[in-house]
Protein backbone atom coordinates (compact mmCIF):
# COMPACT_ATOMS: atom_id res chain seq x y z
CA MET A 1 -16.53 65.77 -31.53
CA ALA A 2 -12.93 65.22 -32.28
CA GLY A 3 -12.30 64.55 -28.61
CA ARG A 4 -15.04 61.87 -28.47
CA THR A 5 -13.66 60.22 -31.58
CA ASP A 6 -10.18 60.14 -30.16
CA THR A 7 -11.56 58.59 -26.95
CA PHE A 8 -13.53 56.04 -28.99
CA LEU A 9 -10.55 55.09 -31.04
CA SER A 10 -8.38 54.73 -27.92
CA TRP A 11 -11.08 52.45 -26.44
CA LEU A 12 -11.24 50.43 -29.56
CA VAL A 13 -7.43 49.88 -29.61
CA CYS A 14 -7.45 48.76 -25.97
CA VAL A 15 -10.27 46.21 -26.74
CA ALA A 16 -8.43 44.89 -29.74
CA LEU A 17 -5.23 44.49 -27.86
CA ALA A 18 -6.82 42.89 -24.92
CA ALA A 19 -8.58 40.45 -27.27
CA GLY A 20 -5.32 39.64 -28.95
CA THR A 21 -6.65 40.63 -32.37
CA PRO A 22 -4.38 42.83 -34.46
CA LEU A 23 -5.97 45.89 -36.02
CA SER A 24 -6.13 46.09 -39.76
CA GLY A 25 -2.78 47.07 -41.08
CA ALA A 26 -0.94 46.28 -37.74
CA GLU A 27 1.78 43.61 -37.32
CA PRO A 28 0.72 40.74 -35.00
CA ARG A 29 2.83 40.42 -31.83
CA PRO A 30 5.17 37.45 -31.88
CA ALA A 31 4.20 34.55 -29.71
CA PRO A 32 6.30 34.10 -26.54
CA PRO A 33 9.03 31.50 -26.94
CA GLU A 34 8.06 27.96 -25.93
CA PRO A 35 9.67 27.00 -22.63
CA VAL A 36 12.59 24.70 -22.67
CA ASP A 37 13.10 21.75 -20.27
CA THR A 38 16.74 20.97 -21.25
CA VAL A 39 19.89 22.95 -21.50
CA VAL A 40 22.80 21.58 -23.54
CA VAL A 41 26.31 23.13 -23.27
CA ARG A 42 28.70 22.35 -25.95
CA PRO A 43 31.62 23.97 -27.77
CA ALA A 44 30.30 26.32 -30.49
CA ALA A 45 31.99 24.20 -33.26
CA TRP A 46 30.17 21.07 -32.12
CA ALA A 47 26.65 22.34 -32.74
CA GLU A 48 26.21 20.29 -35.89
CA ALA A 49 27.14 17.03 -34.13
CA LEU A 50 24.43 17.51 -31.60
CA GLN A 51 21.48 17.93 -34.19
CA PRO A 52 20.52 14.25 -34.68
CA TRP A 53 20.18 13.79 -31.03
CA LYS A 54 18.38 17.08 -30.60
CA ALA A 55 15.83 16.25 -33.23
CA TYR A 56 15.27 12.84 -31.62
CA ARG A 57 14.74 14.40 -28.16
CA GLU A 58 12.37 17.11 -29.56
CA ALA A 59 10.41 14.42 -31.20
CA GLN A 60 9.92 12.95 -27.70
CA GLY A 61 8.55 16.22 -26.51
CA HIS A 62 11.72 17.89 -25.02
CA ARG A 63 12.52 21.47 -25.76
CA ILE A 64 16.15 22.15 -25.87
CA ALA A 65 18.26 25.34 -25.54
CA GLU A 66 21.90 25.21 -26.67
CA LEU A 67 24.65 27.25 -25.00
CA ASP A 68 28.19 27.74 -26.12
CA SER A 69 30.76 26.74 -23.47
CA ALA A 70 32.26 29.48 -21.38
CA ALA A 71 35.81 30.01 -20.27
CA ASP A 72 35.00 29.66 -16.49
CA SER A 73 32.39 27.80 -14.49
CA ARG A 74 30.87 31.00 -12.93
CA THR A 75 29.97 32.41 -16.33
CA LEU A 76 28.53 29.05 -17.39
CA ARG A 77 26.44 28.86 -14.25
CA ALA A 78 25.09 32.29 -14.80
CA ALA A 79 24.11 31.42 -18.33
CA ILE A 80 22.19 28.34 -17.32
CA ALA A 81 20.47 30.21 -14.50
CA GLN A 82 19.54 32.94 -17.03
CA VAL A 83 17.79 30.37 -19.23
CA ALA A 84 15.89 29.15 -16.14
CA ALA A 85 14.88 32.60 -15.04
CA ALA A 86 13.62 33.72 -18.42
CA GLN A 87 10.67 31.40 -18.27
CA THR A 88 7.90 30.43 -15.92
CA GLU A 89 8.21 26.69 -16.55
CA PRO A 90 11.17 24.98 -14.73
CA ILE A 91 14.03 23.38 -16.73
CA ARG A 92 14.69 19.83 -15.71
CA TYR A 93 17.92 18.59 -17.42
CA VAL A 94 21.46 19.91 -18.15
CA LEU A 95 23.74 18.07 -20.51
CA LEU A 96 27.42 18.99 -20.63
CA ALA A 97 28.46 17.83 -24.01
CA GLY A 98 32.31 17.89 -23.76
CA ASP A 99 35.21 17.18 -21.47
CA VAL A 100 37.27 19.27 -19.10
CA SER A 101 40.18 20.16 -21.43
CA ALA A 102 43.25 22.19 -21.58
CA ASP A 103 42.13 23.28 -25.02
CA ALA A 104 39.98 26.45 -24.45
CA ALA A 105 38.14 25.95 -27.68
CA VAL A 106 36.48 22.69 -26.50
CA ASN A 107 36.70 22.99 -22.76
CA ILE A 108 33.58 22.75 -20.59
CA PRO A 109 34.86 23.63 -17.21
CA THR A 110 33.79 21.98 -13.91
CA CYS A 111 33.34 23.40 -10.49
CA TYR A 112 35.25 22.81 -7.20
CA TYR A 113 34.08 22.49 -3.55
CA ASP A 114 36.28 22.58 -0.44
CA SER A 115 36.28 19.22 1.41
CA SER A 116 35.84 19.04 5.21
CA ALA A 117 34.98 15.39 5.57
CA MET A 118 36.73 13.01 3.20
CA SER A 119 39.91 15.17 3.42
CA GLN A 120 40.22 13.72 6.96
CA PHE A 121 40.75 10.29 5.36
CA GLY A 122 43.42 11.36 2.81
CA GLY A 123 41.08 12.96 0.33
CA ASP A 124 41.91 16.01 -1.74
CA ALA A 125 41.27 19.42 -0.37
CA THR A 126 38.82 20.13 -3.24
CA ILE A 127 36.21 18.05 -5.02
CA ALA A 128 35.52 18.29 -8.70
CA SER A 129 31.79 18.52 -9.31
CA ASP A 130 29.19 19.46 -11.88
CA ASN A 131 26.60 19.81 -9.15
CA PRO A 132 26.69 23.68 -9.16
CA TYR A 133 25.25 23.78 -12.66
CA ALA A 134 22.21 21.85 -11.41
CA ASP A 135 21.79 23.94 -8.28
CA LEU A 136 19.92 27.04 -9.33
CA ASP A 137 19.39 28.62 -5.85
CA GLY A 138 22.88 27.96 -4.44
CA ASP A 139 21.81 25.84 -1.49
CA ASN A 140 24.05 22.88 -2.67
CA VAL A 141 20.89 20.78 -3.36
CA PRO A 142 20.51 20.09 -7.07
CA GLU A 143 17.16 21.03 -8.73
CA LEU A 144 18.18 19.69 -12.13
CA ALA A 145 19.19 16.25 -13.48
CA ILE A 146 22.66 16.72 -14.91
CA GLY A 147 25.09 14.57 -16.84
CA ARG A 148 28.38 15.06 -18.82
CA ILE A 149 29.51 13.32 -21.98
CA PRO A 150 33.19 13.85 -21.66
CA ALA A 151 33.86 13.71 -25.46
CA ASP A 152 37.15 14.95 -26.74
CA SER A 153 35.89 15.71 -30.24
CA ALA A 154 32.70 16.40 -32.10
CA GLU A 155 32.88 13.02 -33.81
CA GLN A 156 33.23 11.26 -30.56
CA LEU A 157 30.21 13.12 -29.14
CA LYS A 158 28.15 12.20 -32.27
CA LYS A 159 28.99 8.46 -31.80
CA VAL A 160 28.17 8.42 -28.06
CA LEU A 161 24.73 10.09 -28.72
CA ALA A 162 24.11 7.69 -31.57
CA ARG A 163 24.59 4.80 -29.19
CA VAL A 164 22.17 6.39 -26.60
CA MET A 165 19.45 6.63 -29.31
CA ALA A 166 20.09 3.08 -30.44
CA PHE A 167 19.83 1.96 -26.87
CA GLU A 168 16.49 3.49 -26.33
CA GLN A 169 15.12 2.11 -29.53
CA HIS A 170 16.49 -1.45 -29.04
CA ARG A 171 13.41 -3.84 -29.18
CA ASP A 172 14.97 -6.87 -27.43
CA PHE A 173 13.05 -7.26 -24.16
CA SER A 174 14.49 -10.61 -23.24
CA SER A 175 15.73 -11.34 -19.76
CA TRP A 176 19.07 -9.41 -20.06
CA ARG A 177 16.99 -6.36 -18.89
CA ARG A 178 16.62 -7.83 -15.42
CA ASP A 179 20.28 -8.61 -14.86
CA VAL A 180 22.35 -6.77 -12.22
CA HIS A 181 26.08 -7.65 -11.80
CA VAL A 182 28.03 -6.73 -8.64
CA VAL A 183 31.78 -6.93 -8.28
CA ALA A 184 33.11 -6.37 -4.74
CA GLY A 185 36.71 -5.67 -3.71
CA VAL A 186 38.00 -6.07 -0.20
CA GLY A 187 37.53 -3.45 2.52
CA GLY A 188 40.88 -3.19 3.97
CA PHE A 189 39.60 -1.88 7.41
CA GLY A 190 40.57 -5.02 9.34
CA ALA A 191 39.22 -8.55 9.52
CA ILE A 192 36.32 -7.78 11.86
CA ALA A 193 35.15 -4.51 10.19
CA ASP A 194 35.53 -6.12 6.77
CA SER A 195 33.36 -9.03 7.62
CA VAL A 196 30.67 -6.83 9.15
CA ILE A 197 30.73 -4.54 6.03
CA GLU A 198 30.57 -7.56 3.76
CA MET A 199 27.71 -9.06 5.62
CA THR A 200 25.78 -5.77 5.70
CA THR A 201 26.47 -5.09 2.02
CA ARG A 202 25.28 -8.53 0.94
CA ARG A 203 22.18 -8.28 3.04
CA PHE A 204 21.55 -4.72 1.83
CA LEU A 205 21.75 -5.82 -1.79
CA ALA A 206 19.62 -8.81 -1.26
CA ASP A 207 16.80 -6.80 0.28
CA ARG A 208 16.97 -3.62 -1.83
CA ILE A 209 17.41 -5.10 -5.38
CA PRO A 210 14.02 -6.59 -6.32
CA GLY A 211 13.75 -10.39 -6.14
CA TRP A 212 12.72 -10.62 -9.83
CA SER A 213 16.07 -9.45 -10.95
CA GLU A 214 18.97 -11.79 -11.66
CA LEU A 215 21.83 -10.82 -9.35
CA SER A 216 25.33 -12.08 -9.93
CA MET A 217 28.20 -11.55 -7.40
CA THR A 218 31.99 -11.61 -8.07
CA GLN A 219 34.02 -10.96 -4.90
CA ALA A 220 37.77 -10.31 -4.59
CA SER A 221 38.29 -12.66 -1.62
CA VAL A 222 39.66 -16.19 -1.94
CA ASP A 223 37.52 -17.17 1.09
CA SER A 224 34.27 -16.16 -0.73
CA HIS A 225 32.01 -18.53 -2.61
CA TYR A 226 31.78 -15.74 -5.20
CA CYS A 227 35.48 -15.67 -5.94
CA PRO A 228 36.47 -17.22 -9.37
CA ASP A 229 40.02 -18.45 -10.12
CA PRO A 230 41.98 -15.32 -8.91
CA TRP A 231 44.19 -15.44 -11.96
CA ARG A 232 40.96 -15.13 -13.99
CA PHE A 233 39.36 -12.53 -11.88
CA SER A 234 39.54 -9.63 -14.32
CA GLU A 235 38.27 -12.05 -17.03
CA ALA A 236 35.20 -12.79 -14.87
CA CYS A 237 34.53 -9.11 -14.33
CA ILE A 238 34.76 -8.35 -18.04
CA ASP A 239 32.50 -11.34 -18.85
CA ARG A 240 29.88 -10.05 -16.49
CA MET A 241 30.01 -6.64 -18.13
CA ASN A 242 29.88 -8.22 -21.56
CA GLN A 243 26.87 -10.20 -20.61
CA GLY A 244 24.95 -6.99 -20.49
CA GLY A 245 22.08 -6.03 -18.16
CA MET A 246 20.48 -3.23 -16.21
CA PHE A 247 23.56 -2.38 -14.08
CA TRP A 248 27.17 -3.38 -13.62
CA VAL A 249 28.31 -2.23 -10.15
CA TYR A 250 31.73 -2.18 -8.57
CA ILE A 251 32.11 -1.79 -4.75
CA GLY A 252 35.59 -1.30 -3.34
CA HIS A 253 38.82 0.66 -3.70
CA GLY A 254 39.91 2.37 -6.91
CA HIS A 255 41.99 5.02 -8.54
CA VAL A 256 41.79 7.04 -11.74
CA LYS A 257 42.88 4.31 -14.13
CA THR A 258 42.32 1.13 -12.17
CA LEU A 259 40.18 -0.68 -9.66
CA ASP A 260 41.68 -2.55 -6.72
CA TYR A 261 43.62 -5.83 -6.70
CA ILE A 262 42.87 -9.29 -5.34
CA ARG A 263 45.50 -11.09 -3.26
CA ALA A 264 46.30 -14.64 -4.12
CA GLY A 265 49.12 -15.98 -1.98
CA GLU A 266 51.98 -13.58 -2.55
CA ASP A 267 50.49 -12.26 -5.84
CA TRP A 268 48.36 -9.12 -6.30
CA LEU A 269 46.18 -9.50 -9.34
CA PRO A 270 44.19 -6.61 -10.93
CA ILE A 271 40.52 -6.55 -10.84
CA LEU A 272 40.07 -4.23 -13.76
CA THR A 273 42.26 -1.48 -15.30
CA HIS A 274 42.16 0.87 -18.31
CA GLU A 275 44.27 -1.77 -20.12
CA HIS A 276 41.23 -4.03 -20.05
CA VAL A 277 38.94 -1.68 -21.86
CA PRO A 278 39.58 -3.03 -25.35
CA ALA A 279 38.26 -6.49 -24.13
CA VAL A 280 34.94 -4.91 -23.07
CA ASP A 281 32.30 -5.67 -25.75
CA VAL A 282 28.74 -5.44 -24.42
CA GLY A 283 27.07 -5.90 -27.86
CA SER A 284 23.49 -4.61 -27.99
CA HIS A 285 22.93 -4.98 -24.18
CA PRO A 286 25.04 -2.18 -22.64
CA PRO A 287 24.61 -1.86 -18.83
CA ILE A 288 24.90 1.30 -16.74
CA ALA A 289 28.17 1.13 -14.90
CA VAL A 290 28.19 2.26 -11.27
CA PHE A 291 31.53 2.66 -9.54
CA LEU A 292 31.31 2.93 -5.79
CA ALA A 293 34.99 3.61 -5.52
CA CYS A 294 37.49 6.51 -5.15
CA TYR A 295 38.65 8.55 -8.21
CA THR A 296 37.27 6.23 -10.89
CA GLY A 297 35.26 9.15 -12.26
CA ALA A 298 37.98 11.92 -12.04
CA PHE A 299 36.82 13.51 -15.32
CA ASP A 300 39.10 16.59 -14.63
CA ALA A 301 42.26 14.49 -14.64
CA ILE A 302 44.89 14.90 -17.33
CA GLU A 303 44.03 11.45 -18.74
CA ASP A 304 40.51 10.03 -19.07
CA SER A 305 39.52 8.08 -15.94
CA LEU A 306 38.44 4.44 -16.06
CA ALA A 307 34.73 5.41 -15.90
CA GLU A 308 35.25 7.76 -18.84
CA GLU A 309 37.19 5.35 -20.85
CA LEU A 310 34.48 2.64 -20.51
CA MET A 311 31.46 4.83 -21.30
CA LEU A 312 33.22 6.49 -24.23
CA SER A 313 34.17 3.19 -25.70
CA PRO A 314 31.89 2.21 -28.64
CA THR A 315 31.55 -1.29 -27.07
CA GLY A 316 31.33 -0.20 -23.44
CA PRO A 317 28.61 0.65 -20.95
CA ILE A 318 25.98 3.23 -22.01
CA ALA A 319 26.77 5.48 -19.01
CA SER A 320 28.84 5.58 -15.86
CA LEU A 321 28.25 6.98 -12.38
CA ALA A 322 31.52 7.40 -10.51
CA ALA A 323 33.39 9.42 -7.86
CA SER A 324 35.80 12.22 -8.84
CA ARG A 325 37.70 12.03 -5.63
CA VAL A 326 38.14 9.93 -2.43
CA SER A 327 34.80 8.33 -1.45
CA GLY A 328 33.77 6.53 1.73
CA PRO A 329 31.74 3.39 2.50
CA TYR A 330 29.11 5.31 4.47
CA GLY A 331 28.44 7.99 1.90
CA LEU A 332 28.38 5.52 -0.97
CA ALA A 333 26.06 3.20 0.85
CA MET A 334 23.56 5.95 1.72
CA LEU A 335 23.70 7.13 -1.97
CA SER A 336 23.23 3.69 -3.14
CA ASP A 337 20.05 3.32 -1.03
CA GLY A 338 18.71 6.42 -2.68
CA LEU A 339 19.65 5.11 -6.20
CA LEU A 340 17.84 1.90 -5.44
CA SER A 341 14.80 3.65 -4.11
CA SER A 342 14.69 6.08 -7.13
CA CYS A 343 15.15 3.32 -9.64
CA PHE A 344 13.17 0.40 -8.36
CA ASP A 345 10.60 1.96 -5.97
CA GLU A 346 9.87 5.26 -7.72
CA GLN A 347 10.80 3.92 -11.21
CA ALA A 348 12.24 7.23 -12.29
CA SER A 349 11.86 7.47 -16.10
CA THR A 350 15.31 8.69 -16.89
CA LEU A 351 18.86 8.00 -15.54
CA GLY A 352 19.29 11.67 -14.73
CA GLU A 353 16.26 11.61 -12.56
CA VAL A 354 17.44 8.46 -10.75
CA VAL A 355 20.68 10.18 -9.82
CA LEU A 356 18.95 13.47 -8.95
CA HIS A 357 16.35 12.00 -6.62
CA ALA A 358 19.06 9.95 -4.92
CA LYS A 359 21.13 12.97 -4.31
CA GLN A 360 18.19 15.08 -3.03
CA ARG A 361 17.30 12.19 -0.72
CA LEU A 362 20.93 11.98 0.55
CA LEU A 363 20.80 15.62 1.64
CA GLN A 364 17.35 15.59 3.18
CA ASP A 365 17.00 12.24 4.81
CA THR A 366 18.75 10.34 7.59
CA PRO A 367 17.79 6.84 8.83
CA SER A 368 16.01 8.22 11.93
CA GLU A 369 13.76 10.37 9.69
CA MET A 370 12.48 7.43 7.56
CA SER A 371 9.35 5.51 8.67
CA PRO A 372 8.48 2.02 7.49
CA PRO A 373 5.17 1.51 5.55
CA GLU A 374 2.24 -0.37 6.90
CA SER A 375 2.50 -4.15 6.52
CA GLY A 376 0.24 -6.07 4.17
CA LEU A 377 -2.49 -8.55 5.37
CA PRO A 378 -1.74 -12.19 5.34
CA GLY A 379 -3.76 -14.50 3.16
CA ALA A 380 -4.06 -18.20 2.11
CA MET A 381 -2.43 -17.32 -1.21
CA HIS A 382 0.78 -15.36 -1.24
CA GLN A 383 0.68 -12.54 -3.83
CA THR A 384 3.28 -9.89 -4.66
CA SER A 385 4.05 -7.52 -7.47
CA ASN A 386 7.46 -7.06 -8.97
CA HIS A 387 8.33 -3.87 -7.02
CA THR A 388 9.69 -3.33 -3.56
CA SER A 389 7.41 -1.67 -1.01
CA GLY A 390 9.81 1.05 0.25
CA HIS A 391 11.41 1.23 3.67
CA THR A 392 10.67 -1.78 5.90
CA SER A 393 11.85 -2.08 9.52
CA GLY A 394 14.56 -4.41 8.38
CA HIS A 395 15.72 -1.85 5.89
CA MET A 396 15.70 0.84 8.57
CA ASP A 397 17.93 -1.52 10.86
CA GLN A 398 20.38 -1.85 7.83
CA LEU A 399 20.67 1.87 7.37
CA GLN A 400 21.25 2.33 11.09
CA MET A 401 23.81 -0.47 11.08
CA ILE A 402 25.64 1.27 8.26
CA GLY A 403 25.67 4.56 10.18
CA ALA A 404 26.90 2.79 13.40
CA ILE A 405 29.82 1.19 11.38
CA ALA A 406 30.58 4.63 9.93
CA SER A 407 30.63 6.20 13.35
CA ALA A 408 32.81 3.52 14.83
CA LEU A 409 35.40 3.85 11.97
CA SER A 410 35.49 7.62 12.10
CA PRO A 411 36.89 10.33 14.46
CA SER A 412 34.77 11.12 17.46
CA ASP A 413 33.81 14.53 16.16
CA TYR A 414 33.36 13.39 12.55
CA ASP A 415 30.40 14.97 10.67
CA LEU A 416 28.49 12.16 8.81
CA ALA A 417 26.13 14.79 7.23
CA ALA A 418 29.26 16.42 5.62
CA GLU A 419 30.32 13.05 4.12
CA ARG A 420 26.81 12.59 2.64
CA ARG A 421 27.05 16.18 1.19
CA GLU A 422 30.48 15.47 -0.30
CA HIS A 423 29.18 12.39 -2.00
CA VAL A 424 26.46 14.46 -3.71
CA TRP A 425 29.18 16.65 -5.07
CA GLN A 426 31.63 14.06 -6.19
CA MET A 427 29.43 11.31 -7.66
CA ASN A 428 28.91 12.56 -11.17
CA LEU A 429 26.95 11.07 -14.05
CA LEU A 430 28.99 10.57 -17.13
CA GLY A 431 26.34 10.04 -19.79
CA ASP A 432 23.05 11.43 -21.14
CA PRO A 433 20.87 12.54 -18.20
CA LEU A 434 17.80 12.12 -20.51
CA LEU A 435 18.54 8.41 -21.11
CA ARG A 436 15.24 6.62 -20.81
CA LEU A 437 15.18 3.50 -18.60
CA CYS A 438 13.36 0.32 -19.38
CA HIS A 439 11.51 -0.82 -16.20
CA PRO A 440 9.71 -4.16 -16.26
CA GLY A 441 6.06 -3.71 -15.69
CA PRO A 442 4.32 -5.50 -12.78
CA LEU A 443 3.44 -9.13 -13.12
CA ALA A 444 1.41 -10.15 -10.01
CA LEU A 445 1.78 -13.83 -9.05
CA GLN A 446 -0.23 -16.07 -6.74
CA VAL A 447 1.16 -19.27 -5.24
CA ALA A 448 0.41 -21.32 -2.12
CA GLU A 449 2.47 -20.11 0.79
CA ARG A 450 3.60 -23.70 1.48
CA ALA A 451 4.47 -26.86 -0.44
CA ALA A 452 5.98 -30.14 0.19
CA PRO A 453 8.90 -31.81 -1.63
CA GLY A 454 7.52 -33.83 -4.63
CA GLU A 455 4.35 -31.78 -4.82
CA THR A 456 3.34 -29.77 -7.79
CA ILE A 457 2.82 -26.07 -7.19
CA GLN A 458 0.52 -23.84 -9.24
CA ILE A 459 1.67 -20.37 -10.16
CA VAL A 460 -1.31 -18.24 -11.23
CA GLY A 461 -1.03 -14.84 -12.81
CA ASN A 462 -2.58 -12.38 -15.23
CA SER A 463 -1.22 -10.61 -18.28
CA ASP A 464 -2.81 -8.58 -21.11
CA VAL A 465 0.55 -8.46 -22.86
CA PRO A 466 1.43 -11.37 -25.24
CA GLY A 467 4.91 -12.81 -25.17
CA GLN A 468 7.20 -15.50 -23.91
CA LEU A 469 6.85 -16.27 -20.17
CA LEU A 470 9.67 -17.71 -18.09
CA VAL A 471 8.77 -19.00 -14.51
CA GLU A 472 11.45 -20.21 -12.25
CA LEU A 473 11.68 -21.84 -8.78
CA VAL A 474 14.84 -20.23 -7.31
CA LEU A 475 16.96 -19.96 -4.25
CA ARG A 476 16.52 -16.79 -2.11
CA ARG A 477 19.59 -14.55 -2.09
CA ASP A 478 20.08 -14.90 1.67
CA GLN A 479 20.10 -18.65 1.51
CA VAL A 480 23.24 -20.30 3.04
CA ARG A 481 24.91 -22.56 0.63
CA ASN A 482 26.88 -24.91 2.91
CA GLU A 483 27.22 -27.46 0.19
CA LEU A 484 29.64 -25.24 -1.59
CA ASP A 485 32.12 -25.56 1.19
CA THR A 486 32.74 -29.05 0.07
CA LEU A 487 34.12 -28.03 -3.32
CA GLY A 488 37.88 -28.23 -3.25
CA VAL A 489 39.77 -25.05 -3.90
CA ASP A 490 43.47 -24.54 -3.96
CA LEU A 491 45.51 -21.58 -5.24
CA PHE A 492 48.53 -23.59 -6.19
CA SER A 493 47.14 -26.47 -8.22
CA GLU A 494 45.33 -26.62 -11.54
CA ARG A 495 42.62 -28.73 -10.08
CA GLY A 496 42.28 -26.39 -7.13
CA ARG A 497 41.96 -23.41 -9.37
CA ALA A 498 39.28 -25.21 -11.35
CA GLY A 499 37.54 -25.71 -8.08
CA PHE A 500 37.35 -21.90 -7.64
CA GLN A 501 35.68 -21.68 -11.01
CA GLN A 502 33.20 -24.42 -10.16
CA ARG A 503 32.28 -22.87 -6.74
CA TYR A 504 31.93 -19.44 -8.32
CA HIS A 505 29.49 -20.60 -10.96
CA ALA A 506 27.57 -22.71 -8.52
CA ALA A 507 27.26 -19.75 -6.18
CA ASN A 508 25.70 -17.65 -8.96
CA GLN A 509 23.33 -20.37 -10.05
CA HIS A 510 20.03 -19.64 -8.38
CA THR A 511 17.54 -21.48 -10.57
CA LEU A 512 16.28 -24.89 -9.44
CA LEU A 513 13.39 -25.36 -11.94
CA LYS A 514 12.19 -23.32 -14.93
CA GLN A 515 9.46 -23.53 -17.44
CA GLU A 516 8.48 -21.42 -20.44
CA GLN A 517 5.11 -20.74 -21.84
CA SER A 518 3.78 -18.58 -24.63
CA LEU A 519 1.04 -16.15 -23.66
CA ASP A 520 -1.49 -14.58 -26.05
CA GLY A 521 -2.30 -11.71 -23.81
CA SER A 522 -5.89 -12.82 -23.21
CA GLY A 523 -5.69 -12.72 -19.45
CA SER A 524 -5.06 -15.34 -16.71
CA PHE A 525 -2.36 -17.93 -17.01
CA GLN A 526 -1.24 -20.89 -14.90
CA VAL A 527 2.16 -22.68 -14.73
CA ASP A 528 2.67 -25.90 -12.86
CA LEU A 529 6.12 -26.73 -11.34
CA ARG A 530 6.90 -29.99 -9.57
CA VAL A 531 9.07 -29.44 -6.44
CA PRO A 532 12.06 -31.86 -6.46
CA ALA A 533 11.52 -34.67 -3.93
CA ASP A 534 14.98 -34.24 -2.50
CA LEU A 535 14.73 -30.39 -2.09
CA PRO A 536 15.64 -29.44 1.48
CA ARG A 537 13.07 -27.69 3.57
CA GLY A 538 13.31 -23.95 3.77
CA LYS A 539 12.32 -20.66 2.22
CA TYR A 540 12.36 -20.40 -1.65
CA ALA A 541 11.04 -18.19 -4.25
CA VAL A 542 9.16 -18.06 -7.53
CA ARG A 543 9.97 -15.41 -10.08
CA ALA A 544 8.55 -14.81 -13.59
CA TYR A 545 9.72 -12.77 -16.46
CA LEU A 546 7.55 -11.88 -19.51
CA GLU A 547 9.26 -10.93 -22.74
CA GLY A 548 6.89 -8.94 -24.92
CA GLN A 549 7.39 -7.29 -28.38
CA ALA A 550 7.41 -3.84 -26.93
CA ALA A 551 7.87 -4.25 -23.14
CA CYS A 552 8.70 -6.63 -20.40
CA ARG A 553 7.06 -7.58 -17.07
CA ALA A 554 8.36 -9.35 -14.04
CA GLY A 555 7.04 -10.73 -10.77
CA TYR A 556 8.25 -12.42 -7.59
CA CYS A 557 6.90 -14.23 -4.57
CA GLU A 558 8.22 -16.57 -1.80
CA LEU A 559 7.07 -19.91 -0.41
CA HIS A 560 8.01 -22.35 2.21
CA ILE A 561 8.99 -25.94 1.29
CA ARG A 562 8.48 -28.30 4.18
CA ALA A 563 7.47 -31.96 4.66
CA PRO A 564 3.65 -32.58 4.96
CA GLN A 565 2.37 -32.83 8.46
CA ALA A 566 1.52 -36.36 9.60
CA ALA A 567 -2.15 -37.09 9.91
CA LYS A 568 -3.37 -37.11 13.57
């Protein structure tokens, strides 16, 4: 009997354990820890400074594990990998909350790769990179979105994170959120190569940045329509950054503490240096700064790099993406294509994901592997949404042109794939990878494909969001502005320098007509615009921006302006 009782009790215990019900008098088993999606590495003494941001992110649904910094990158990599291996759900983000420092108590070390590509063009033998912390399987392809806030103290970290939280909670959805500012230096590869690169870059930006955005150009060439008074060039760059927007982008040469220079006669004038940082004041509209230039993000340098100084400034950009070493036009152009796709086509929700997807794409795709989408059907009314449609045949041609230029400027046995890989390593995000982006929602528009000068065109749309609507008839980005050639410019007279300013502002003025209208969110709307009677024939565009209380929307479509056909 005793044997049967023991068997029965054993069976009862098994059933109870399988059912998850503790027996009377037994302690319940602790629930397994909830999986984390974010790992934060910070100096042990800085844990308190992290808490407001941590509570904010956890309220958004993130689960965060904190790690003390380690003395070397190998130990730190192993610690991050251990967190990932201890759970079935994948982690998604890594934030390195601290700078590379000679002070072991606050140092968060970085990693180094050997260079085989950019070292052939005068680059360093090694590349500083945080990429290995995001690469869990050791194949050089990051699986995690990673960013570094290179703070030098707990108080500085706390202030940067406070700015990040304020940025995400900012309720101003006016048109600053569609602005993109591009500053371009000179190539220095020779007159013919520079002109081809300039033409390809402008065409690339015009096609890949959505038409609904407001794009400004500032170019460091006295022959360009987009060149202000050269002696006020740095002022113009700072003004564009202070204007605020989605992105502020620099394309050109650079170094740790400075961007390139513009030549005016015999003078070489700075585009932007660390000495200009105190003049940067973006207010409540901080852009994300992207430096497509050498060394500007050398966060392991003895002194803070230009990209670091700007994003750490309490009045600077909210984040920076920049190279830690020598970068090349081809690698930067291909990475930029991925950034544009991730941001505008895929609409990745966080800045870290934008950079991650661009890097993964850079390692996996080449222009020959991309296929264009199917074309849309023509109709009597032209209708578009606010988003680009992906890789068109024209886009494919641009990527192939960029590859051809790179091949022509490189040694015969040069490995372009190695250059792409090294740009994944050296382009590091300085900022919070969890930073949430504000993407304008779609605002579909309909307008007749053709109109005549002097006619009234009807723009029809639909919105269930109340707010203030701005509708504009604008110049297309690829339109040739021959009339700007007649504006007098001269480096050596006050009147001629004023001509530079006049031409620069005119070149960046795209709006021909605009009209505002309040929407109650009840559905369809119609806006009438009268085409100027003296408007030259050609292709133009209509764009719309809706500022709501909690969101924004944008739309874009094109039309032909041509004289009416004579009756037969």
